[in-house]
N, C-alpha and C. Protein backbone atom coordinates (compact mmCIF):
# COMPACT_ATOMS: atom_id res chain seq x y z
N MET A 1 0.85 -1.18 0.00
CA MET A 1 0.00 0.00 0.00
C MET A 1 0.89 1.24 0.00
N ILE A 2 0.55 2.18 -0.86
CA ILE A 2 1.29 3.44 -0.95
C ILE A 2 0.34 4.55 -0.52
N ILE A 3 0.80 5.36 0.42
CA ILE A 3 -0.02 6.46 0.92
C ILE A 3 0.70 7.77 0.64
N LEU A 4 0.01 8.65 -0.10
CA LEU A 4 0.53 9.97 -0.41
C LEU A 4 -0.05 10.98 0.56
N LEU A 5 0.82 11.79 1.14
CA LEU A 5 0.37 12.81 2.06
C LEU A 5 1.09 14.11 1.78
N GLY A 6 0.51 15.18 2.27
CA GLY A 6 1.06 16.52 2.07
C GLY A 6 -0.05 17.54 2.13
N TYR A 7 0.33 18.78 2.02
CA TYR A 7 -0.64 19.88 2.12
C TYR A 7 -1.56 19.87 0.89
N MET A 8 -2.75 20.45 1.06
CA MET A 8 -3.65 20.55 -0.10
C MET A 8 -2.92 21.31 -1.21
N GLY A 9 -3.10 20.81 -2.42
CA GLY A 9 -2.44 21.43 -3.56
C GLY A 9 -1.06 20.87 -3.87
N SER A 10 -0.61 19.91 -3.08
CA SER A 10 0.72 19.34 -3.32
C SER A 10 0.74 18.34 -4.47
N GLY A 11 -0.43 17.93 -4.93
CA GLY A 11 -0.50 17.03 -6.09
C GLY A 11 -0.81 15.59 -5.76
N LYS A 12 -1.28 15.33 -4.56
CA LYS A 12 -1.50 13.94 -4.12
C LYS A 12 -2.45 13.18 -5.04
N THR A 13 -3.53 13.81 -5.42
CA THR A 13 -4.53 13.11 -6.24
C THR A 13 -4.03 12.85 -7.66
N VAL A 14 -3.57 13.89 -8.32
CA VAL A 14 -3.15 13.72 -9.71
C VAL A 14 -1.92 12.81 -9.81
N VAL A 15 -0.98 12.94 -8.90
CA VAL A 15 0.20 12.07 -8.91
C VAL A 15 -0.22 10.63 -8.58
N GLY A 16 -1.09 10.47 -7.61
CA GLY A 16 -1.57 9.13 -7.26
C GLY A 16 -2.23 8.43 -8.43
N GLN A 17 -3.01 9.17 -9.21
CA GLN A 17 -3.67 8.59 -10.39
C GLN A 17 -2.64 8.14 -11.42
N VAL A 18 -1.62 8.94 -11.63
CA VAL A 18 -0.59 8.58 -12.62
C VAL A 18 0.21 7.37 -12.15
N VAL A 19 0.64 7.38 -10.89
CA VAL A 19 1.41 6.25 -10.36
C VAL A 19 0.58 4.97 -10.41
N SER A 20 -0.71 5.08 -10.13
CA SER A 20 -1.56 3.89 -10.16
C SER A 20 -1.59 3.27 -11.56
N ARG A 21 -1.58 4.11 -12.58
CA ARG A 21 -1.55 3.59 -13.95
C ARG A 21 -0.19 2.94 -14.25
N PHE A 22 0.88 3.52 -13.72
CA PHE A 22 2.22 2.96 -13.93
C PHE A 22 2.35 1.56 -13.35
N ILE A 23 1.84 1.37 -12.12
CA ILE A 23 2.13 0.12 -11.40
C ILE A 23 0.92 -0.81 -11.26
N GLY A 24 -0.24 -0.35 -11.70
CA GLY A 24 -1.42 -1.21 -11.69
C GLY A 24 -2.13 -1.34 -10.35
N PHE A 25 -1.85 -0.44 -9.42
CA PHE A 25 -2.56 -0.42 -8.15
C PHE A 25 -3.83 0.41 -8.32
N GLU A 26 -4.86 0.08 -7.55
CA GLU A 26 -6.07 0.88 -7.52
C GLU A 26 -5.76 2.21 -6.84
N PHE A 27 -6.33 3.30 -7.35
CA PHE A 27 -6.15 4.60 -6.72
C PHE A 27 -7.42 4.99 -5.96
N ILE A 28 -7.24 5.46 -4.73
CA ILE A 28 -8.36 5.96 -3.93
C ILE A 28 -7.96 7.29 -3.31
N ASP A 29 -8.79 8.29 -3.50
CA ASP A 29 -8.63 9.57 -2.83
C ASP A 29 -9.51 9.51 -1.58
N LEU A 30 -8.92 9.67 -0.41
CA LEU A 30 -9.68 9.52 0.84
C LEU A 30 -10.87 10.47 0.90
N ASP A 31 -10.70 11.71 0.46
CA ASP A 31 -11.83 12.65 0.50
C ASP A 31 -12.96 12.18 -0.40
N HIS A 32 -12.64 11.69 -1.59
CA HIS A 32 -13.69 11.18 -2.49
C HIS A 32 -14.36 9.94 -1.90
N TYR A 33 -13.57 9.11 -1.25
CA TYR A 33 -14.10 7.91 -0.59
C TYR A 33 -15.10 8.31 0.50
N ILE A 34 -14.74 9.33 1.28
CA ILE A 34 -15.63 9.82 2.34
C ILE A 34 -16.91 10.38 1.72
N GLU A 35 -16.77 11.15 0.65
CA GLU A 35 -17.96 11.70 0.00
C GLU A 35 -18.88 10.59 -0.50
N PHE A 36 -18.30 9.55 -1.07
CA PHE A 36 -19.09 8.41 -1.55
C PHE A 36 -19.81 7.72 -0.39
N LYS A 37 -19.09 7.45 0.68
CA LYS A 37 -19.66 6.75 1.82
C LYS A 37 -20.73 7.57 2.55
N GLU A 38 -20.50 8.88 2.63
CA GLU A 38 -21.41 9.76 3.37
C GLU A 38 -22.53 10.33 2.50
N GLY A 39 -22.36 10.27 1.18
CA GLY A 39 -23.36 10.81 0.28
C GLY A 39 -23.42 12.33 0.26
N GLU A 40 -22.33 12.97 0.66
CA GLU A 40 -22.26 14.43 0.68
C GLU A 40 -20.85 14.87 0.34
N LYS A 41 -20.74 16.08 -0.20
CA LYS A 41 -19.43 16.69 -0.47
C LYS A 41 -18.76 17.04 0.86
N ILE A 42 -17.43 17.05 0.85
CA ILE A 42 -16.67 17.41 2.06
C ILE A 42 -17.12 18.78 2.57
N SER A 43 -17.28 19.73 1.67
CA SER A 43 -17.69 21.08 2.09
C SER A 43 -19.05 21.05 2.79
N GLU A 44 -19.96 20.20 2.33
CA GLU A 44 -21.27 20.08 2.97
C GLU A 44 -21.15 19.44 4.35
N ILE A 45 -20.28 18.45 4.46
CA ILE A 45 -20.07 17.80 5.76
C ILE A 45 -19.52 18.81 6.76
N PHE A 46 -18.51 19.59 6.32
CA PHE A 46 -17.94 20.63 7.19
C PHE A 46 -19.03 21.61 7.61
N GLN A 47 -19.84 22.05 6.65
CA GLN A 47 -20.86 23.06 6.91
C GLN A 47 -21.98 22.54 7.81
N LYS A 48 -22.49 21.35 7.53
CA LYS A 48 -23.65 20.82 8.25
C LYS A 48 -23.30 20.16 9.58
N LYS A 49 -22.15 19.45 9.61
CA LYS A 49 -21.86 18.63 10.79
C LYS A 49 -20.60 19.05 11.54
N GLY A 50 -19.80 19.91 10.92
CA GLY A 50 -18.63 20.46 11.59
C GLY A 50 -17.35 19.66 11.40
N VAL A 51 -16.26 20.29 11.77
CA VAL A 51 -14.93 19.72 11.56
C VAL A 51 -14.69 18.51 12.46
N ILE A 52 -15.23 18.50 13.67
CA ILE A 52 -15.00 17.38 14.58
C ILE A 52 -15.64 16.11 14.01
N TYR A 53 -16.87 16.23 13.53
CA TYR A 53 -17.53 15.08 12.90
C TYR A 53 -16.71 14.61 11.70
N PHE A 54 -16.26 15.56 10.88
CA PHE A 54 -15.48 15.18 9.71
C PHE A 54 -14.23 14.40 10.11
N ARG A 55 -13.50 14.88 11.09
CA ARG A 55 -12.26 14.18 11.51
C ARG A 55 -12.59 12.79 12.05
N GLN A 56 -13.72 12.62 12.70
CA GLN A 56 -14.11 11.30 13.21
C GLN A 56 -14.37 10.32 12.07
N ILE A 57 -15.11 10.76 11.08
CA ILE A 57 -15.41 9.83 9.97
C ILE A 57 -14.17 9.63 9.08
N GLU A 58 -13.34 10.63 8.99
CA GLU A 58 -12.08 10.50 8.25
C GLU A 58 -11.23 9.39 8.89
N ASN A 59 -11.17 9.39 10.21
CA ASN A 59 -10.45 8.36 10.95
C ASN A 59 -11.06 6.99 10.70
N LYS A 60 -12.37 6.91 10.76
CA LYS A 60 -13.08 5.65 10.54
C LYS A 60 -12.78 5.07 9.15
N TYR A 61 -12.88 5.91 8.12
CA TYR A 61 -12.70 5.41 6.76
C TYR A 61 -11.23 5.13 6.44
N LEU A 62 -10.32 5.87 7.04
CA LEU A 62 -8.89 5.56 6.86
C LEU A 62 -8.58 4.18 7.43
N LYS A 63 -9.06 3.92 8.63
CA LYS A 63 -8.85 2.60 9.24
C LYS A 63 -9.47 1.50 8.38
N GLU A 64 -10.66 1.75 7.87
CA GLU A 64 -11.34 0.78 7.02
C GLU A 64 -10.48 0.43 5.80
N LEU A 65 -9.90 1.44 5.19
CA LEU A 65 -9.09 1.21 3.98
C LEU A 65 -7.77 0.51 4.27
N ILE A 66 -7.11 0.89 5.36
CA ILE A 66 -5.80 0.26 5.61
C ILE A 66 -5.92 -1.11 6.25
N ASP A 67 -7.10 -1.46 6.74
CA ASP A 67 -7.30 -2.79 7.29
C ASP A 67 -7.60 -3.82 6.20
N GLU A 68 -7.87 -3.34 4.99
CA GLU A 68 -8.13 -4.26 3.89
C GLU A 68 -6.81 -4.68 3.27
N ASP A 69 -6.76 -5.87 2.76
CA ASP A 69 -5.54 -6.38 2.12
C ASP A 69 -5.65 -6.12 0.62
N ARG A 70 -5.33 -4.87 0.24
CA ARG A 70 -5.45 -4.47 -1.16
C ARG A 70 -4.22 -3.70 -1.60
N LYS A 71 -3.90 -3.82 -2.86
CA LYS A 71 -2.81 -3.03 -3.44
C LYS A 71 -3.42 -1.72 -3.92
N ILE A 72 -3.28 -0.71 -3.09
CA ILE A 72 -3.86 0.59 -3.43
C ILE A 72 -2.85 1.70 -3.24
N ILE A 73 -3.11 2.78 -3.94
CA ILE A 73 -2.46 4.06 -3.68
C ILE A 73 -3.54 4.93 -3.08
N LEU A 74 -3.29 5.41 -1.89
CA LEU A 74 -4.28 6.19 -1.15
C LEU A 74 -3.76 7.61 -0.97
N SER A 75 -4.53 8.57 -1.44
CA SER A 75 -4.23 9.98 -1.27
C SER A 75 -5.00 10.49 -0.06
N LEU A 76 -4.28 10.97 0.93
CA LEU A 76 -4.91 11.49 2.14
C LEU A 76 -5.30 12.95 1.99
N GLY A 77 -6.25 13.39 2.79
CA GLY A 77 -6.53 14.82 2.88
C GLY A 77 -5.35 15.51 3.56
N GLY A 78 -5.22 16.80 3.34
CA GLY A 78 -4.08 17.54 3.89
C GLY A 78 -3.97 17.47 5.39
N GLY A 79 -5.09 17.39 6.10
CA GLY A 79 -5.06 17.36 7.56
C GLY A 79 -5.03 15.97 8.16
N THR A 80 -5.29 14.96 7.35
CA THR A 80 -5.41 13.59 7.87
C THR A 80 -4.22 13.15 8.73
N PRO A 81 -2.98 13.40 8.31
CA PRO A 81 -1.84 12.93 9.12
C PRO A 81 -1.74 13.57 10.51
N CYS A 82 -2.45 14.66 10.72
CA CYS A 82 -2.31 15.46 11.94
C CYS A 82 -3.27 15.07 13.06
N TYR A 83 -4.15 14.12 12.81
CA TYR A 83 -5.18 13.77 13.79
C TYR A 83 -5.16 12.29 14.14
N TYR A 84 -5.70 11.97 15.31
CA TYR A 84 -5.92 10.59 15.76
C TYR A 84 -4.68 9.71 15.67
N ASN A 85 -3.51 10.26 15.85
CA ASN A 85 -2.27 9.48 15.78
C ASN A 85 -2.16 8.70 14.47
N HIS A 86 -2.67 9.29 13.39
CA HIS A 86 -2.64 8.59 12.11
C HIS A 86 -1.22 8.24 11.67
N MET A 87 -0.26 9.12 11.91
CA MET A 87 1.11 8.82 11.47
C MET A 87 1.69 7.64 12.25
N ASP A 88 1.36 7.53 13.53
CA ASP A 88 1.80 6.36 14.30
C ASP A 88 1.19 5.09 13.72
N MET A 89 -0.10 5.15 13.42
CA MET A 89 -0.81 4.00 12.88
C MET A 89 -0.21 3.59 11.53
N LEU A 90 0.02 4.56 10.65
CA LEU A 90 0.55 4.25 9.33
C LEU A 90 1.99 3.75 9.40
N SER A 91 2.78 4.33 10.27
CA SER A 91 4.18 3.94 10.40
C SER A 91 4.35 2.56 11.02
N SER A 92 3.35 2.13 11.77
CA SER A 92 3.47 0.84 12.46
C SER A 92 3.22 -0.36 11.53
N LYS A 93 2.73 -0.11 10.35
CA LYS A 93 2.40 -1.21 9.43
C LYS A 93 3.47 -1.30 8.35
N SER A 94 4.18 -2.41 8.33
CA SER A 94 5.32 -2.56 7.41
C SER A 94 4.92 -2.57 5.94
N PHE A 95 3.68 -2.90 5.63
CA PHE A 95 3.24 -2.96 4.23
C PHE A 95 2.82 -1.60 3.69
N ILE A 96 2.84 -0.57 4.54
CA ILE A 96 2.46 0.77 4.11
C ILE A 96 3.70 1.61 3.86
N HIS A 97 3.75 2.20 2.67
CA HIS A 97 4.83 3.11 2.30
C HIS A 97 4.25 4.51 2.22
N THR A 98 4.60 5.36 3.19
CA THR A 98 4.09 6.73 3.22
C THR A 98 5.07 7.64 2.48
N ILE A 99 4.50 8.52 1.65
CA ILE A 99 5.31 9.44 0.87
C ILE A 99 4.76 10.85 1.05
N TYR A 100 5.62 11.74 1.52
CA TYR A 100 5.26 13.15 1.69
C TYR A 100 5.61 13.90 0.41
N LEU A 101 4.60 14.45 -0.25
CA LEU A 101 4.82 15.32 -1.41
C LEU A 101 5.03 16.73 -0.86
N ASN A 102 6.28 17.12 -0.81
CA ASN A 102 6.70 18.35 -0.15
C ASN A 102 6.70 19.51 -1.16
N ALA A 103 5.76 20.41 -1.01
CA ALA A 103 5.65 21.58 -1.87
C ALA A 103 5.88 22.83 -1.04
N GLY A 104 6.60 23.79 -1.60
CA GLY A 104 6.87 25.05 -0.92
C GLY A 104 5.64 25.94 -0.84
N ILE A 105 5.70 26.93 0.02
CA ILE A 105 4.57 27.83 0.26
C ILE A 105 4.15 28.57 -1.01
N LYS A 106 5.10 29.07 -1.77
CA LYS A 106 4.76 29.80 -3.00
C LYS A 106 4.12 28.87 -4.03
N THR A 107 4.64 27.66 -4.15
CA THR A 107 4.05 26.68 -5.07
C THR A 107 2.61 26.40 -4.67
N LEU A 108 2.38 26.15 -3.39
CA LEU A 108 1.03 25.85 -2.91
C LEU A 108 0.08 27.02 -3.12
N THR A 109 0.55 28.22 -2.83
CA THR A 109 -0.29 29.41 -3.02
C THR A 109 -0.70 29.56 -4.48
N ASN A 110 0.26 29.42 -5.38
CA ASN A 110 -0.05 29.55 -6.81
C ASN A 110 -1.01 28.47 -7.28
N ARG A 111 -0.84 27.26 -6.80
CA ARG A 111 -1.72 26.16 -7.21
C ARG A 111 -3.12 26.31 -6.65
N LEU A 112 -3.24 26.81 -5.42
CA LEU A 112 -4.53 26.86 -4.74
C LEU A 112 -5.34 28.12 -5.03
N TRP A 113 -4.69 29.18 -5.46
CA TRP A 113 -5.37 30.47 -5.62
C TRP A 113 -6.59 30.37 -6.54
N ASP A 114 -6.45 29.72 -7.68
CA ASP A 114 -7.55 29.67 -8.66
C ASP A 114 -8.59 28.62 -8.34
N ASN A 115 -8.35 27.78 -7.33
CA ASN A 115 -9.27 26.69 -7.02
C ASN A 115 -9.72 26.73 -5.56
N LYS A 116 -9.58 27.88 -4.92
CA LYS A 116 -9.83 27.95 -3.48
C LYS A 116 -11.29 27.79 -3.10
N GLU A 117 -12.22 28.07 -4.01
CA GLU A 117 -13.64 27.94 -3.67
C GLU A 117 -14.03 26.50 -3.39
N ASN A 118 -13.24 25.54 -3.87
CA ASN A 118 -13.50 24.12 -3.62
C ASN A 118 -12.79 23.59 -2.38
N ARG A 119 -12.14 24.48 -1.66
CA ARG A 119 -11.37 24.10 -0.46
C ARG A 119 -11.95 24.81 0.75
N PRO A 120 -12.68 24.09 1.61
CA PRO A 120 -13.36 24.75 2.74
C PRO A 120 -12.45 25.59 3.63
N LEU A 121 -11.22 25.17 3.82
CA LEU A 121 -10.33 25.90 4.73
C LEU A 121 -9.90 27.26 4.20
N ILE A 122 -9.89 27.42 2.86
CA ILE A 122 -9.36 28.66 2.29
C ILE A 122 -10.37 29.40 1.41
N SER A 123 -11.57 28.89 1.30
CA SER A 123 -12.54 29.48 0.37
C SER A 123 -12.88 30.93 0.68
N GLY A 124 -12.75 31.35 1.92
CA GLY A 124 -13.08 32.72 2.30
C GLY A 124 -11.93 33.70 2.21
N ILE A 125 -10.76 33.25 1.80
CA ILE A 125 -9.59 34.13 1.70
C ILE A 125 -9.60 34.78 0.32
N ASN A 126 -9.63 36.12 0.29
CA ASN A 126 -9.79 36.84 -0.97
C ASN A 126 -8.57 37.64 -1.40
N ASP A 127 -7.47 37.50 -0.69
CA ASP A 127 -6.25 38.21 -1.05
C ASP A 127 -5.11 37.19 -1.13
N LYS A 128 -4.35 37.24 -2.21
CA LYS A 128 -3.30 36.23 -2.42
C LYS A 128 -2.23 36.29 -1.33
N ASP A 129 -1.91 37.49 -0.85
CA ASP A 129 -0.93 37.60 0.24
C ASP A 129 -1.47 36.98 1.53
N ASP A 130 -2.78 37.14 1.77
CA ASP A 130 -3.39 36.52 2.94
C ASP A 130 -3.36 34.99 2.81
N LEU A 131 -3.58 34.51 1.59
CA LEU A 131 -3.51 33.06 1.36
C LEU A 131 -2.10 32.54 1.61
N LEU A 132 -1.11 33.27 1.12
CA LEU A 132 0.29 32.90 1.34
C LEU A 132 0.60 32.82 2.83
N GLU A 133 0.13 33.80 3.58
CA GLU A 133 0.36 33.83 5.03
C GLU A 133 -0.36 32.67 5.72
N PHE A 134 -1.61 32.41 5.33
CA PHE A 134 -2.37 31.31 5.91
C PHE A 134 -1.66 29.97 5.67
N ILE A 135 -1.25 29.75 4.43
CA ILE A 135 -0.58 28.49 4.09
C ILE A 135 0.73 28.37 4.87
N GLY A 136 1.47 29.45 4.96
CA GLY A 136 2.73 29.42 5.70
C GLY A 136 2.54 29.01 7.15
N LYS A 137 1.56 29.59 7.81
CA LYS A 137 1.29 29.26 9.22
C LYS A 137 0.78 27.82 9.35
N HIS A 138 -0.14 27.46 8.47
CA HIS A 138 -0.74 26.13 8.52
C HIS A 138 0.30 25.05 8.24
N LEU A 139 1.14 25.29 7.25
CA LEU A 139 2.19 24.34 6.90
C LEU A 139 3.21 24.19 8.03
N PHE A 140 3.49 25.28 8.72
CA PHE A 140 4.39 25.23 9.87
C PHE A 140 3.85 24.26 10.93
N GLU A 141 2.52 24.27 11.14
CA GLU A 141 1.90 23.38 12.12
C GLU A 141 1.86 21.93 11.64
N ARG A 142 1.64 21.74 10.36
CA ARG A 142 1.45 20.38 9.83
C ARG A 142 2.73 19.69 9.41
N ARG A 143 3.74 20.44 9.05
CA ARG A 143 4.96 19.84 8.50
C ARG A 143 5.58 18.77 9.42
N PRO A 144 5.59 18.95 10.75
CA PRO A 144 6.17 17.87 11.58
C PRO A 144 5.46 16.53 11.40
N PHE A 145 4.17 16.54 11.14
CA PHE A 145 3.44 15.30 10.89
C PHE A 145 3.83 14.74 9.51
N TYR A 146 3.85 15.61 8.52
CA TYR A 146 4.21 15.18 7.17
C TYR A 146 5.62 14.58 7.11
N GLN A 147 6.53 15.19 7.86
CA GLN A 147 7.93 14.75 7.81
C GLN A 147 8.15 13.38 8.45
N ARG A 148 7.14 12.83 9.06
CA ARG A 148 7.25 11.49 9.62
C ARG A 148 7.03 10.41 8.56
N ALA A 149 6.70 10.82 7.35
CA ALA A 149 6.53 9.85 6.26
C ALA A 149 7.86 9.13 6.00
N ARG A 150 7.76 7.91 5.52
CA ARG A 150 8.95 7.12 5.23
C ARG A 150 9.81 7.78 4.15
N TYR A 151 9.15 8.36 3.14
CA TYR A 151 9.85 9.01 2.02
C TYR A 151 9.34 10.43 1.86
N GLN A 152 10.23 11.31 1.39
CA GLN A 152 9.84 12.68 1.09
C GLN A 152 10.30 13.02 -0.32
N ILE A 153 9.40 13.59 -1.09
CA ILE A 153 9.72 13.98 -2.46
C ILE A 153 9.35 15.45 -2.62
N THR A 154 10.32 16.26 -3.00
CA THR A 154 10.07 17.67 -3.26
C THR A 154 9.42 17.79 -4.63
N VAL A 155 8.31 18.53 -4.68
CA VAL A 155 7.54 18.61 -5.92
C VAL A 155 7.64 19.95 -6.63
N ASP A 156 8.28 20.94 -6.01
CA ASP A 156 8.41 22.26 -6.63
C ASP A 156 9.12 22.14 -7.97
N ASP A 157 8.60 22.82 -8.96
CA ASP A 157 9.21 22.90 -10.29
C ASP A 157 9.38 21.55 -10.97
N LYS A 158 8.56 20.57 -10.61
CA LYS A 158 8.59 19.26 -11.26
C LYS A 158 7.23 18.99 -11.89
N SER A 159 7.25 18.28 -13.01
CA SER A 159 5.99 17.88 -13.65
C SER A 159 5.41 16.68 -12.91
N VAL A 160 4.14 16.42 -13.17
CA VAL A 160 3.48 15.25 -12.59
C VAL A 160 4.23 13.98 -13.00
N SER A 161 4.66 13.93 -14.24
CA SER A 161 5.39 12.77 -14.75
C SER A 161 6.72 12.58 -14.00
N GLU A 162 7.44 13.67 -13.77
CA GLU A 162 8.72 13.58 -13.05
C GLU A 162 8.50 13.09 -11.61
N ILE A 163 7.49 13.63 -10.95
CA ILE A 163 7.19 13.23 -9.57
C ILE A 163 6.78 11.76 -9.54
N SER A 164 5.92 11.36 -10.45
CA SER A 164 5.45 9.97 -10.52
C SER A 164 6.61 9.01 -10.77
N ASN A 165 7.48 9.36 -11.69
CA ASN A 165 8.66 8.52 -11.97
C ASN A 165 9.57 8.42 -10.75
N GLU A 166 9.72 9.51 -10.02
CA GLU A 166 10.54 9.50 -8.81
C GLU A 166 9.96 8.58 -7.75
N ILE A 167 8.63 8.58 -7.60
CA ILE A 167 7.98 7.68 -6.65
C ILE A 167 8.20 6.24 -7.05
N VAL A 168 7.97 5.91 -8.30
CA VAL A 168 8.14 4.55 -8.78
C VAL A 168 9.58 4.08 -8.60
N SER A 169 10.55 4.94 -8.96
CA SER A 169 11.96 4.54 -8.82
C SER A 169 12.39 4.44 -7.36
N THR A 170 11.75 5.20 -6.48
CA THR A 170 12.05 5.13 -5.05
C THR A 170 11.56 3.81 -4.45
N LEU A 171 10.39 3.37 -4.90
CA LEU A 171 9.75 2.20 -4.29
C LEU A 171 10.10 0.86 -4.95
N PHE A 172 10.44 0.90 -6.23
CA PHE A 172 10.61 -0.36 -6.95
C PHE A 172 11.99 -0.50 -7.57
């Protein structure tokens, strides 16, 4: 099992899809899995039931997926590694290979600016400098969790193909 983690906008979903085609593993995006299971968009879950409920079901569905014996590439939500001792749980299983897609603050800001309305945490930020500051502070809090991944790949100034090839060559 390969688990991709990192901040929103780091490329977990698109890279996971490409790597899955390279190696023949099923690709699952945890947020999409949650939406399927709950019958609601993540933004609706946040709005109607709150962040605490979301983190609880995120934990439930993550455990459900890693307890199955499947060859999958799983893309986590940006906050997933930071809650419920998820990094301890993932690190304790020898069959799980965690990979941190490490993107810099400027890269993340540029990637997220045009798509922020689909991201509940940043949808209300209307100034690019404010977004840069928010990401910087948030990344400072989350990076210690991300850095516990078995592998780290810097994604700044790399194409999806280059990142995907680096993952495949790192693991196989």
